[in-house]
């Protein structure tokens, strides 16, 4: 997955520039600030599901970040939870997108 360093939109690897900001995409957002309040829209333990949700949100034009439960230690799928966070202003749209996918 690639990310826009300005608006934090998430893209699949076949994109090179952000469709919104026209910035060159980066592979890692470490050190890039996310402005505004973040809201959790998805929690899970399966990394494949996390990737699927990230792609689903990206296809809908929703920027997101992934918050690992405790990145300093080994991930324990029975105990740890991974969260997907979006900007507060995108929360309603993100939840609608995820709910529509559940019903499909």
Foldseek 3Di string as FASTA:
>chain_A
DWAALPQQQDDPPVDQADPVPRHGTHPDNVPRDHDADKDWQDKALDVVVVVVLSHLCNVVVWHWDKDWQDVVDDRDSVPTMITIIGHPVCRVVSNVSVVVVVVD
